């Protein structure tokens, strides 16, 4: 098995230090599916030469993760984790490579529901199961603030901003009360006063727009 050029999402999915330690390799990733392989290694086997079930679960998890991430255009703005994974073992894999194929069955708002199969290179089914993977967009402060104002009228936006200004003034005042250095305390109190002035100005403008 040969590693291909990996995207950021695929690096997150299958090339973690843990996956690399086991020897898990990417085979291919397409939209809503991913295939990963685990070459046979005695260190991943039980005393009888059968591939350990924990190694199979880890392989399946990497494939599921890559399939879930496969449609994410901006992986740097997302985070994810497996919330459920179960495998039913139907055969044994003795001294052989194994391959996991994961397919996304349905995508919800944040959850991806997947099917996964583990087979030998000769297509002998070793295990099959299902998984749920959670993908969540990282909410950055600027995006959160922008979302507060989206869809509101100008009057509502100014009233909301006035509330935020007063909340900021309260924080500055609280910090000033905890600050021993006179110069720093004075600077914080001045900042609080500016926030209060801004809130007052916004109140006046809000009244004028009504």
N, C-alpha and C. Protein backbone atom coordinates (compact mmCIF):
# COMPACT_ATOMS: atom_id res chain seq x y z
N UNK A 1 0.84 -1.19 0.00
CA UNK A 1 0.00 0.00 0.00
C UNK A 1 0.88 1.25 0.00
N UNK A 2 0.49 2.23 -0.80
CA UNK A 2 1.30 3.43 -0.95
C UNK A 2 0.51 4.64 -0.50
N UNK A 3 1.11 5.47 0.32
CA UNK A 3 0.46 6.70 0.74
C UNK A 3 0.35 7.66 -0.43
N UNK A 4 -0.81 8.29 -0.59
CA UNK A 4 -1.00 9.32 -1.58
C UNK A 4 -0.81 10.68 -0.92
N UNK A 5 -0.87 11.74 -1.74
CA UNK A 5 -0.81 13.09 -1.18
C UNK A 5 -2.04 13.32 -0.32
N UNK A 6 -1.84 13.78 0.90
CA UNK A 6 -2.92 13.89 1.86
C UNK A 6 -3.38 15.33 2.02
N UNK A 7 -4.69 15.52 2.14
CA UNK A 7 -5.23 16.82 2.48
C UNK A 7 -5.11 17.01 3.99
N UNK A 8 -5.40 18.23 4.45
CA UNK A 8 -5.39 18.49 5.89
C UNK A 8 -6.36 17.57 6.61
N UNK A 9 -7.54 17.38 6.03
CA UNK A 9 -8.53 16.52 6.67
C UNK A 9 -8.03 15.09 6.76
N UNK A 10 -7.39 14.60 5.72
CA UNK A 10 -6.89 13.23 5.73
C UNK A 10 -5.75 13.08 6.73
N UNK A 11 -4.96 14.11 6.87
CA UNK A 11 -3.90 14.07 7.88
C UNK A 11 -4.52 13.96 9.26
N UNK A 12 -5.58 14.74 9.50
CA UNK A 12 -6.29 14.66 10.78
C UNK A 12 -6.87 13.27 10.98
N UNK A 13 -7.36 12.68 9.89
CA UNK A 13 -8.10 11.42 9.99
C UNK A 13 -7.20 10.22 10.19
N UNK A 14 -6.21 10.06 9.34
CA UNK A 14 -5.50 8.80 9.35
C UNK A 14 -4.04 8.84 9.68
N UNK A 15 -3.46 10.00 9.78
CA UNK A 15 -2.02 10.07 9.97
C UNK A 15 -1.65 10.66 11.32
N UNK A 16 -2.46 10.38 12.33
CA UNK A 16 -2.12 10.77 13.69
C UNK A 16 -0.95 9.93 14.16
N UNK A 17 -0.25 10.39 15.20
CA UNK A 17 0.86 9.58 15.73
C UNK A 17 0.43 8.16 16.09
N UNK A 18 -0.78 8.03 16.63
CA UNK A 18 -1.27 6.70 17.02
C UNK A 18 -1.45 5.82 15.78
N UNK A 19 -2.10 6.38 14.75
CA UNK A 19 -2.32 5.61 13.53
C UNK A 19 -0.99 5.24 12.87
N UNK A 20 -0.05 6.17 12.87
CA UNK A 20 1.26 5.89 12.30
C UNK A 20 1.98 4.80 13.08
N UNK A 21 1.81 4.81 14.39
CA UNK A 21 2.44 3.79 15.23
C UNK A 21 1.93 2.40 14.88
N UNK A 22 0.62 2.30 14.59
CA UNK A 22 0.05 1.02 14.22
C UNK A 22 0.44 0.60 12.80
N UNK A 23 0.80 1.60 11.98
CA UNK A 23 1.13 1.31 10.58
C UNK A 23 -0.03 1.50 9.64
N UNK A 24 -1.07 2.19 10.08
CA UNK A 24 -2.25 2.42 9.24
C UNK A 24 -1.89 3.36 8.09
N UNK A 25 -2.36 3.01 6.89
CA UNK A 25 -2.04 3.77 5.68
C UNK A 25 -3.31 4.13 4.92
N UNK A 26 -3.26 5.28 4.28
CA UNK A 26 -4.37 5.68 3.41
C UNK A 26 -4.26 4.94 2.08
N UNK A 27 -5.38 4.49 1.58
CA UNK A 27 -5.44 3.92 0.23
C UNK A 27 -6.09 4.92 -0.71
N UNK A 28 -7.30 5.34 -0.37
CA UNK A 28 -7.97 6.37 -1.18
C UNK A 28 -9.07 7.01 -0.35
N UNK A 29 -9.37 8.26 -0.69
CA UNK A 29 -10.48 8.99 -0.09
C UNK A 29 -11.21 9.73 -1.18
N UNK A 30 -12.51 9.52 -1.27
CA UNK A 30 -13.35 10.24 -2.23
C UNK A 30 -14.50 10.86 -1.45
N UNK A 31 -15.39 11.53 -2.17
CA UNK A 31 -16.52 12.17 -1.50
C UNK A 31 -17.37 11.12 -0.79
N UNK A 32 -17.45 11.24 0.53
CA UNK A 32 -18.28 10.39 1.38
C UNK A 32 -17.78 8.95 1.53
N UNK A 33 -16.55 8.68 1.18
CA UNK A 33 -16.01 7.34 1.43
C UNK A 33 -14.50 7.41 1.60
N UNK A 34 -13.99 6.44 2.32
CA UNK A 34 -12.54 6.38 2.53
C UNK A 34 -12.12 4.94 2.76
N UNK A 35 -10.93 4.62 2.28
CA UNK A 35 -10.38 3.27 2.41
C UNK A 35 -8.99 3.37 3.01
N UNK A 36 -8.80 2.66 4.10
CA UNK A 36 -7.52 2.66 4.80
C UNK A 36 -7.07 1.22 5.03
N UNK A 37 -5.77 1.01 5.06
CA UNK A 37 -5.26 -0.34 5.23
C UNK A 37 -4.30 -0.47 6.39
N UNK A 38 -4.21 -1.69 6.91
CA UNK A 38 -3.27 -2.01 7.98
C UNK A 38 -2.48 -3.24 7.57
N UNK A 39 -1.21 -3.06 7.16
CA UNK A 39 -0.38 -4.22 6.81
C UNK A 39 -0.18 -5.11 8.04
N UNK A 40 -0.07 -6.39 7.80
CA UNK A 40 0.11 -7.31 8.93
C UNK A 40 1.43 -7.04 9.63
N UNK A 41 1.37 -7.03 10.95
CA UNK A 41 2.55 -6.88 11.79
C UNK A 41 2.31 -7.69 13.06
N UNK A 42 3.25 -8.52 13.45
CA UNK A 42 3.06 -9.32 14.67
C UNK A 42 2.73 -8.49 15.90
N UNK A 43 3.19 -7.23 15.93
CA UNK A 43 2.92 -6.40 17.11
C UNK A 43 1.45 -6.01 17.22
N UNK A 44 0.68 -6.14 16.13
CA UNK A 44 -0.74 -5.84 16.13
C UNK A 44 -1.60 -7.10 16.23
N UNK A 45 -0.98 -8.22 16.61
CA UNK A 45 -1.67 -9.50 16.62
C UNK A 45 -1.75 -10.08 18.02
N UNK A 46 -2.59 -11.09 18.18
CA UNK A 46 -2.63 -11.83 19.45
C UNK A 46 -1.58 -12.95 19.39
N UNK A 47 -1.42 -13.69 20.46
CA UNK A 47 -0.38 -14.72 20.47
C UNK A 47 -0.52 -15.80 19.40
N UNK A 48 -1.70 -15.89 18.78
CA UNK A 48 -1.94 -16.93 17.77
C UNK A 48 -1.78 -16.42 16.34
N UNK A 49 -1.37 -15.16 16.21
CA UNK A 49 -1.15 -14.62 14.88
C UNK A 49 -2.36 -13.96 14.24
N UNK A 50 -3.47 -13.84 14.99
CA UNK A 50 -4.66 -13.18 14.46
C UNK A 50 -4.59 -11.68 14.74
N UNK A 51 -4.96 -10.88 13.75
CA UNK A 51 -4.95 -9.43 13.93
C UNK A 51 -5.85 -9.08 15.11
N UNK A 52 -5.35 -8.27 16.02
CA UNK A 52 -6.07 -7.92 17.24
C UNK A 52 -7.32 -7.10 16.92
N UNK A 53 -8.40 -7.37 17.65
CA UNK A 53 -9.64 -6.63 17.42
C UNK A 53 -9.50 -5.14 17.66
N UNK A 54 -8.65 -4.76 18.62
CA UNK A 54 -8.43 -3.34 18.86
C UNK A 54 -7.78 -2.65 17.68
N UNK A 55 -6.87 -3.36 17.00
CA UNK A 55 -6.23 -2.79 15.81
C UNK A 55 -7.25 -2.62 14.70
N UNK A 56 -8.18 -3.57 14.59
CA UNK A 56 -9.23 -3.45 13.57
C UNK A 56 -10.14 -2.26 13.86
N UNK A 57 -10.49 -2.08 15.12
CA UNK A 57 -11.32 -0.93 15.49
C UNK A 57 -10.61 0.39 15.18
N UNK A 58 -9.32 0.43 15.45
CA UNK A 58 -8.56 1.65 15.16
C UNK A 58 -8.53 1.93 13.67
N UNK A 59 -8.35 0.87 12.87
CA UNK A 59 -8.36 1.03 11.42
C UNK A 59 -9.71 1.52 10.95
N UNK A 60 -10.79 0.92 11.46
CA UNK A 60 -12.14 1.33 11.07
C UNK A 60 -12.38 2.79 11.45
N UNK A 61 -11.90 3.18 12.62
CA UNK A 61 -12.09 4.57 13.08
C UNK A 61 -11.39 5.55 12.15
N UNK A 62 -10.19 5.21 11.69
CA UNK A 62 -9.48 6.11 10.76
C UNK A 62 -10.25 6.25 9.45
N UNK A 63 -10.79 5.15 8.94
CA UNK A 63 -11.55 5.21 7.69
C UNK A 63 -12.82 6.03 7.87
N UNK A 64 -13.52 5.82 8.97
CA UNK A 64 -14.74 6.59 9.25
C UNK A 64 -14.42 8.07 9.35
N UNK A 65 -13.35 8.39 10.05
CA UNK A 65 -12.97 9.79 10.23
C UNK A 65 -12.69 10.46 8.89
N UNK A 66 -11.93 9.78 8.04
CA UNK A 66 -11.61 10.35 6.73
C UNK A 66 -12.85 10.51 5.87
N UNK A 67 -13.76 9.55 5.92
CA UNK A 67 -15.00 9.66 5.14
C UNK A 67 -15.83 10.85 5.61
N UNK A 68 -15.90 11.02 6.93
CA UNK A 68 -16.68 12.15 7.47
C UNK A 68 -16.08 13.49 7.06
N UNK A 69 -14.76 13.58 7.03
CA UNK A 69 -14.08 14.83 6.68
C UNK A 69 -14.03 15.08 5.18
N UNK A 70 -14.42 14.11 4.38
CA UNK A 70 -14.14 14.17 2.94
C UNK A 70 -14.82 15.33 2.22
N UNK A 71 -15.91 15.85 2.75
CA UNK A 71 -16.60 16.97 2.11
C UNK A 71 -16.33 18.31 2.78
N UNK A 72 -15.46 18.34 3.74
CA UNK A 72 -15.15 19.59 4.44
C UNK A 72 -14.17 20.40 3.61
N UNK A 73 -14.57 21.59 3.22
CA UNK A 73 -13.74 22.44 2.36
C UNK A 73 -12.69 23.22 3.13
N UNK A 74 -12.97 23.50 4.40
CA UNK A 74 -12.07 24.31 5.21
C UNK A 74 -11.77 23.58 6.52
N UNK A 75 -11.01 22.50 6.48
CA UNK A 75 -10.78 21.70 7.69
C UNK A 75 -10.15 22.46 8.84
N UNK A 76 -9.41 23.52 8.53
CA UNK A 76 -8.79 24.30 9.60
C UNK A 76 -9.84 25.01 10.47
N UNK A 77 -11.07 25.12 9.97
CA UNK A 77 -12.14 25.79 10.71
C UNK A 77 -13.11 24.80 11.35
N UNK A 78 -12.74 23.52 11.38
CA UNK A 78 -13.60 22.50 11.95
C UNK A 78 -12.83 21.63 12.94
N UNK A 79 -13.57 20.95 13.76
CA UNK A 79 -13.02 19.92 14.64
C UNK A 79 -14.01 18.76 14.65
N UNK A 80 -13.53 17.58 14.98
CA UNK A 80 -14.42 16.44 14.95
C UNK A 80 -13.96 15.32 15.85
N UNK A 81 -14.88 14.40 16.12
CA UNK A 81 -14.55 13.24 16.93
C UNK A 81 -15.58 12.15 16.69
N UNK A 82 -15.15 10.91 16.88
CA UNK A 82 -16.04 9.77 16.79
C UNK A 82 -16.84 9.68 18.08
N UNK A 83 -18.17 9.65 17.97
CA UNK A 83 -19.01 9.57 19.16
C UNK A 83 -19.56 8.16 19.36
N UNK A 84 -19.54 7.33 18.32
CA UNK A 84 -19.99 5.96 18.47
C UNK A 84 -19.37 5.12 17.37
N UNK A 85 -18.91 3.92 17.73
CA UNK A 85 -18.33 3.00 16.75
C UNK A 85 -18.51 1.58 17.27
N UNK A 86 -19.14 0.74 16.46
CA UNK A 86 -19.32 -0.65 16.86
C UNK A 86 -19.00 -1.56 15.67
N UNK A 87 -18.34 -2.66 15.95
CA UNK A 87 -17.99 -3.65 14.93
C UNK A 87 -18.49 -5.02 15.36
N UNK A 88 -19.03 -5.75 14.41
CA UNK A 88 -19.37 -7.15 14.61
C UNK A 88 -18.35 -7.99 13.84
N UNK A 89 -17.64 -8.86 14.54
CA UNK A 89 -16.60 -9.68 13.91
C UNK A 89 -17.21 -10.97 13.41
N UNK A 90 -17.06 -11.23 12.12
CA UNK A 90 -17.68 -12.40 11.49
C UNK A 90 -16.65 -13.43 11.05
N UNK A 91 -15.37 -13.05 11.05
CA UNK A 91 -14.33 -13.98 10.67
C UNK A 91 -13.03 -13.53 11.33
N UNK A 92 -11.99 -14.34 11.18
CA UNK A 92 -10.69 -14.02 11.75
C UNK A 92 -9.71 -13.66 10.64
N UNK A 93 -8.76 -12.78 10.98
CA UNK A 93 -7.74 -12.35 10.02
C UNK A 93 -6.38 -12.80 10.56
N UNK A 94 -5.88 -13.89 10.02
CA UNK A 94 -4.63 -14.45 10.52
C UNK A 94 -3.49 -14.14 9.55
N UNK A 95 -2.49 -13.45 10.08
CA UNK A 95 -1.27 -13.13 9.33
C UNK A 95 -1.60 -12.58 7.95
N UNK A 96 -2.45 -11.56 7.91
CA UNK A 96 -2.84 -10.95 6.65
C UNK A 96 -3.04 -9.45 6.82
N UNK A 97 -2.86 -8.72 5.74
CA UNK A 97 -3.23 -7.31 5.75
C UNK A 97 -4.75 -7.22 5.87
N UNK A 98 -5.23 -6.09 6.36
CA UNK A 98 -6.67 -5.85 6.38
C UNK A 98 -6.95 -4.45 5.84
N UNK A 99 -8.15 -4.28 5.31
CA UNK A 99 -8.55 -3.02 4.69
C UNK A 99 -9.92 -2.63 5.22
N UNK A 100 -10.07 -1.37 5.60
CA UNK A 100 -11.36 -0.85 6.07
C UNK A 100 -11.92 0.14 5.05
N UNK A 101 -13.18 -0.06 4.69
CA UNK A 101 -13.87 0.86 3.79
C UNK A 101 -15.04 1.47 4.54
N UNK A 102 -15.03 2.79 4.67
CA UNK A 102 -16.10 3.51 5.37
C UNK A 102 -16.86 4.36 4.37
N UNK A 103 -18.18 4.38 4.52
CA UNK A 103 -19.05 5.15 3.63
C UNK A 103 -20.03 5.95 4.48
N UNK A 104 -20.19 7.23 4.14
CA UNK A 104 -21.17 8.07 4.83
C UNK A 104 -22.56 7.75 4.27
N UNK A 105 -23.46 7.32 5.14
CA UNK A 105 -24.82 7.02 4.74
C UNK A 105 -25.71 8.25 4.76
N UNK A 106 -25.49 9.10 5.75
CA UNK A 106 -26.31 10.31 5.87
C UNK A 106 -25.55 11.35 6.67
N UNK A 107 -25.71 12.59 6.26
CA UNK A 107 -25.12 13.72 6.99
C UNK A 107 -26.23 14.56 7.60
N UNK A 108 -26.12 14.79 8.90
CA UNK A 108 -27.04 15.71 9.56
C UNK A 108 -26.37 17.06 9.71
N UNK A 109 -26.90 17.84 10.62
CA UNK A 109 -26.34 19.18 10.82
C UNK A 109 -24.90 19.11 11.30
N UNK A 110 -24.62 18.19 12.21
CA UNK A 110 -23.26 18.03 12.70
C UNK A 110 -22.82 16.57 12.76
N UNK A 111 -23.74 15.63 12.63
CA UNK A 111 -23.42 14.21 12.75
C UNK A 111 -23.38 13.54 11.38
N UNK A 112 -22.39 12.67 11.21
CA UNK A 112 -22.27 11.84 10.02
C UNK A 112 -22.51 10.39 10.43
N UNK A 113 -23.44 9.73 9.77
CA UNK A 113 -23.74 8.34 10.06
C UNK A 113 -23.09 7.48 8.98
N UNK A 114 -22.25 6.55 9.41
CA UNK A 114 -21.40 5.82 8.49
C UNK A 114 -21.56 4.31 8.62
N UNK A 115 -21.26 3.63 7.53
CA UNK A 115 -21.12 2.18 7.52
C UNK A 115 -19.65 1.86 7.29
N UNK A 116 -19.15 0.82 7.93
CA UNK A 116 -17.75 0.46 7.74
C UNK A 116 -17.61 -1.06 7.66
N UNK A 117 -16.74 -1.52 6.77
CA UNK A 117 -16.44 -2.94 6.62
C UNK A 117 -14.93 -3.14 6.67
N UNK A 118 -14.51 -4.24 7.27
CA UNK A 118 -13.10 -4.61 7.30
C UNK A 118 -12.96 -5.93 6.55
N UNK A 119 -12.08 -5.94 5.57
CA UNK A 119 -11.88 -7.13 4.73
C UNK A 119 -10.39 -7.41 4.56
N UNK A 120 -10.10 -8.61 4.07
CA UNK A 120 -8.74 -8.94 3.64
C UNK A 120 -8.55 -8.45 2.21
N UNK A 121 -7.33 -8.42 1.70
CA UNK A 121 -7.14 -8.03 0.29
C UNK A 121 -7.89 -8.94 -0.68
N UNK A 122 -8.20 -10.17 -0.24
CA UNK A 122 -8.96 -11.10 -1.08
C UNK A 122 -10.46 -10.91 -0.94
N UNK A 123 -10.87 -9.86 -0.22
CA UNK A 123 -12.28 -9.47 -0.03
C UNK A 123 -13.03 -10.38 0.93
N UNK A 124 -12.32 -11.13 1.78
CA UNK A 124 -12.99 -11.88 2.84
C UNK A 124 -13.45 -10.91 3.91
N UNK A 125 -14.74 -10.93 4.21
CA UNK A 125 -15.29 -10.02 5.22
C UNK A 125 -14.85 -10.48 6.61
N UNK A 126 -14.20 -9.57 7.32
CA UNK A 126 -13.73 -9.85 8.68
C UNK A 126 -14.67 -9.24 9.72
N UNK A 127 -15.12 -8.03 9.46
CA UNK A 127 -15.98 -7.33 10.41
C UNK A 127 -16.80 -6.28 9.68
N UNK A 128 -17.93 -5.95 10.24
CA UNK A 128 -18.74 -4.86 9.69
C UNK A 128 -19.39 -4.13 10.85
N UNK A 129 -19.75 -2.88 10.61
CA UNK A 129 -20.35 -2.13 11.70
C UNK A 129 -20.82 -0.76 11.26
N UNK A 130 -21.08 0.07 12.24
CA UNK A 130 -21.57 1.41 11.98
C UNK A 130 -20.91 2.38 12.93
N UNK A 131 -20.93 3.64 12.53
CA UNK A 131 -20.27 4.66 13.35
C UNK A 131 -21.02 5.98 13.20
N UNK A 132 -20.89 6.80 14.22
CA UNK A 132 -21.40 8.17 14.18
C UNK A 132 -20.24 9.10 14.47
N UNK A 133 -20.05 10.05 13.57
CA UNK A 133 -18.94 10.99 13.71
C UNK A 133 -19.50 12.40 13.78
N UNK A 134 -18.98 13.18 14.72
CA UNK A 134 -19.46 14.56 14.89
C UNK A 134 -18.45 15.54 14.32
N UNK A 135 -18.92 16.37 13.40
CA UNK A 135 -18.12 17.45 12.81
C UNK A 135 -18.72 18.77 13.27
N UNK A 136 -17.89 19.63 13.78
CA UNK A 136 -18.39 20.91 14.30
C UNK A 136 -17.50 22.04 13.84
N UNK A 137 -18.14 23.09 13.35
CA UNK A 137 -17.39 24.26 12.93
C UNK A 137 -16.92 25.03 14.16
N UNK A 138 -15.68 25.45 14.12
CA UNK A 138 -15.11 26.23 15.22
C UNK A 138 -15.67 27.65 15.15
N UNK A 139 -16.34 28.06 16.19
CA UNK A 139 -16.91 29.41 16.21
C UNK A 139 -15.87 30.39 16.73
N UNK A 140 -15.42 31.26 15.87
CA UNK A 140 -14.44 32.26 16.26
C UNK A 140 -15.16 33.50 16.78
N UNK A 141 -14.51 34.26 17.68
CA UNK A 141 -15.18 35.41 18.31
C UNK A 141 -15.79 36.38 17.31
N UNK A 142 -15.07 36.68 16.24
CA UNK A 142 -15.60 37.64 15.26
C UNK A 142 -16.86 37.10 14.60
N UNK A 143 -16.88 35.79 14.30
CA UNK A 143 -18.05 35.20 13.67
C UNK A 143 -19.24 35.19 14.63
N UNK A 144 -18.97 34.92 15.91
CA UNK A 144 -20.03 34.91 16.91
C UNK A 144 -20.67 36.29 17.02
N UNK A 145 -19.82 37.33 17.08
CA UNK A 145 -20.34 38.69 17.19
C UNK A 145 -21.12 39.08 15.95
N UNK A 146 -20.61 38.71 14.79
CA UNK A 146 -21.30 39.03 13.55
C UNK A 146 -22.68 38.36 13.53
N UNK A 147 -22.73 37.12 14.03
CA UNK A 147 -24.00 36.41 14.06
C UNK A 147 -25.03 37.08 14.96
N UNK A 148 -24.57 37.77 16.00
CA UNK A 148 -25.50 38.47 16.89
C UNK A 148 -26.26 39.58 16.17
N UNK A 149 -25.60 40.18 15.18
CA UNK A 149 -26.19 41.34 14.51
C UNK A 149 -26.92 40.97 13.22
N UNK A 150 -26.63 39.79 12.68
CA UNK A 150 -27.21 39.38 11.41
C UNK A 150 -28.73 39.27 11.51
N UNK A 151 -29.42 39.86 10.52
CA UNK A 151 -30.87 39.76 10.46
C UNK A 151 -31.61 40.77 11.31
N UNK A 152 -30.88 41.64 12.01
CA UNK A 152 -31.52 42.66 12.85
C UNK A 152 -31.59 43.99 12.10
N UNK A 153 -32.55 44.81 12.47
CA UNK A 153 -32.66 46.15 11.89
C UNK A 153 -31.53 47.02 12.45
N UNK A 154 -31.31 48.19 11.81
CA UNK A 154 -30.28 49.10 12.29
C UNK A 154 -30.56 49.53 13.73
N UNK A 155 -31.82 49.80 14.01
CA UNK A 155 -32.21 50.21 15.37
C UNK A 155 -31.87 49.10 16.37
N UNK A 156 -32.19 47.87 16.03
CA UNK A 156 -31.91 46.74 16.92
C UNK A 156 -30.40 46.52 17.08
N UNK A 157 -29.67 46.72 15.99
CA UNK A 157 -28.21 46.55 16.07
C UNK A 157 -27.59 47.59 17.00
N UNK A 158 -28.05 48.85 16.89
CA UNK A 158 -27.49 49.88 17.76
C UNK A 158 -27.84 49.64 19.22
N UNK A 159 -29.06 49.18 19.48
CA UNK A 159 -29.47 48.89 20.85
C UNK A 159 -28.65 47.74 21.43
N UNK A 160 -28.41 46.73 20.61
CA UNK A 160 -27.60 45.59 21.07
C UNK A 160 -26.17 46.02 21.33
N UNK A 161 -25.62 46.84 20.43
CA UNK A 161 -24.24 47.29 20.61
C UNK A 161 -24.12 48.14 21.88
N UNK A 162 -25.14 48.92 22.18
CA UNK A 162 -25.12 49.72 23.42
C UNK A 162 -25.05 48.79 24.64
N UNK A 163 -25.78 47.69 24.59
CA UNK A 163 -25.73 46.73 25.70
C UNK A 163 -24.33 46.13 25.83
N UNK A 164 -23.72 45.82 24.70
CA UNK A 164 -22.37 45.26 24.73
C UNK A 164 -21.36 46.28 25.25
N UNK A 165 -21.55 47.54 24.86
CA UNK A 165 -20.65 48.59 25.35
C UNK A 165 -20.74 48.69 26.88
N UNK A 166 -21.95 48.64 27.41
CA UNK A 166 -22.13 48.74 28.86
C UNK A 166 -21.55 47.50 29.57
N UNK A 167 -21.70 46.36 28.92
CA UNK A 167 -21.10 45.14 29.49
C UNK A 167 -19.58 45.27 29.52
N UNK A 168 -19.02 45.87 28.46
CA UNK A 168 -17.58 46.09 28.42
C UNK A 168 -17.14 47.07 29.50
N UNK A 169 -17.95 48.10 29.71
CA UNK A 169 -17.62 49.07 30.76
C UNK A 169 -17.59 48.39 32.12
N UNK A 170 -18.54 47.50 32.36
CA UNK A 170 -18.56 46.78 33.62
C UNK A 170 -17.33 45.92 33.82
N UNK A 171 -16.85 45.30 32.75
CA UNK A 171 -15.64 44.49 32.84
C UNK A 171 -14.42 45.36 33.16
N UNK A 172 -14.31 46.48 32.47
CA UNK A 172 -13.18 47.39 32.75
C UNK A 172 -13.19 47.83 34.21
N UNK A 173 -14.37 48.14 34.71
CA UNK A 173 -14.48 48.59 36.10
C UNK A 173 -14.10 47.47 37.08
N UNK A 174 -14.52 46.26 36.77
CA UNK A 174 -14.17 45.12 37.63
C UNK A 174 -12.67 44.87 37.62
N UNK A 175 -12.05 44.98 36.43
CA UNK A 175 -10.60 44.79 36.34
C UNK A 175 -9.87 45.89 37.11
N UNK A 176 -10.40 47.11 37.02
CA UNK A 176 -9.77 48.23 37.73
C UNK A 176 -9.80 47.99 39.23
N UNK A 177 -10.89 47.43 39.71
CA UNK A 177 -11.01 47.18 41.15
C UNK A 177 -10.01 46.13 41.63
N UNK A 178 -9.55 45.27 40.71
CA UNK A 178 -8.61 44.21 41.08
C UNK A 178 -7.16 44.59 40.77
N UNK A 179 -6.96 45.80 40.23
CA UNK A 179 -5.62 46.21 39.81
C UNK A 179 -5.00 47.13 40.86
N UNK A 180 -3.79 46.77 41.28
CA UNK A 180 -3.11 47.56 42.32
C UNK A 180 -2.35 48.75 41.75
N UNK A 181 -1.81 48.63 40.55
CA UNK A 181 -1.00 49.70 39.96
C UNK A 181 -1.88 50.90 39.63
N UNK A 182 -1.59 52.06 40.18
CA UNK A 182 -2.44 53.25 39.95
C UNK A 182 -2.60 53.60 38.48
N UNK A 183 -1.51 53.57 37.72
CA UNK A 183 -1.60 53.96 36.31
C UNK A 183 -2.48 52.99 35.53
N UNK A 184 -2.31 51.72 35.77
CA UNK A 184 -3.12 50.72 35.07
C UNK A 184 -4.58 50.84 35.47
N UNK A 185 -4.85 51.08 36.76
CA UNK A 185 -6.22 51.22 37.23
C UNK A 185 -6.89 52.43 36.58
N UNK A 186 -6.14 53.51 36.47
CA UNK A 186 -6.69 54.71 35.86
C UNK A 186 -7.00 54.48 34.38
N UNK A 187 -6.12 53.77 33.70
CA UNK A 187 -6.34 53.48 32.28
C UNK A 187 -7.59 52.62 32.08
N UNK A 188 -7.80 51.66 32.97
CA UNK A 188 -8.98 50.82 32.88
C UNK A 188 -10.26 51.61 33.14
N UNK A 189 -10.21 52.52 34.11
CA UNK A 189 -11.38 53.35 34.40
C UNK A 189 -11.69 54.29 33.24
N UNK A 190 -10.66 54.80 32.58
CA UNK A 190 -10.86 55.66 31.41
C UNK A 190 -11.50 54.86 30.26
N UNK A 191 -11.04 53.61 30.11
CA UNK A 191 -11.63 52.76 29.08
C UNK A 191 -13.11 52.50 29.38
N UNK A 192 -13.42 52.28 30.65
CA UNK A 192 -14.80 52.07 31.04
C UNK A 192 -15.65 53.30 30.74
N UNK A 193 -15.10 54.46 30.98
CA UNK A 193 -15.84 55.70 30.70
C UNK A 193 -16.11 55.84 29.21
N UNK A 194 -15.13 55.48 28.38
CA UNK A 194 -15.33 55.56 26.93
C UNK A 194 -16.44 54.62 26.49
N UNK A 195 -16.48 53.43 27.09
CA UNK A 195 -17.54 52.47 26.75
C UNK A 195 -18.91 53.04 27.12
N UNK A 196 -18.98 53.65 28.29
CA UNK A 196 -20.24 54.26 28.72
C UNK A 196 -20.65 55.39 27.79
N UNK A 197 -19.68 56.21 27.36
CA UNK A 197 -19.97 57.30 26.42
C UNK A 197 -20.50 56.74 25.10
N UNK A 198 -19.87 55.67 24.62
CA UNK A 198 -20.32 55.05 23.36
C UNK A 198 -21.75 54.53 23.50
N UNK A 199 -22.04 53.90 24.65
CA UNK A 199 -23.38 53.38 24.89
C UNK A 199 -24.40 54.51 24.90
N UNK A 200 -24.04 55.64 25.54
CA UNK A 200 -24.95 56.78 25.57
C UNK A 200 -25.21 57.34 24.19
N UNK A 201 -24.16 57.43 23.37
CA UNK A 201 -24.32 57.92 22.00
C UNK A 201 -25.23 56.99 21.20
N UNK A 202 -25.05 55.71 21.37
CA UNK A 202 -25.89 54.75 20.66
C UNK A 202 -27.33 54.85 21.09
N UNK A 203 -27.57 55.11 22.37
CA UNK A 203 -28.94 55.30 22.86
C UNK A 203 -29.59 56.49 22.15
N UNK A 204 -28.83 57.58 22.01
CA UNK A 204 -29.37 58.77 21.35
C UNK A 204 -29.67 58.48 19.88
N UNK A 205 -28.76 57.80 19.21
CA UNK A 205 -28.98 57.48 17.80
C UNK A 205 -30.16 56.53 17.61
N UNK A 206 -30.31 55.62 18.55
CA UNK A 206 -31.44 54.69 18.46
C UNK A 206 -32.76 55.45 18.56
N UNK A 207 -32.81 56.42 19.47
CA UNK A 207 -34.03 57.23 19.62
C UNK A 207 -34.32 58.02 18.35
N UNK A 208 -33.27 58.52 17.70
CA UNK A 208 -33.45 59.33 16.50
C UNK A 208 -33.95 58.51 15.31
N UNK A 209 -33.68 57.20 15.31
CA UNK A 209 -34.12 56.35 14.19
C UNK A 209 -35.54 55.82 14.36
N UNK A 210 -36.12 56.04 15.54
CA UNK A 210 -37.47 55.52 15.78
C UNK A 210 -38.52 56.44 15.16
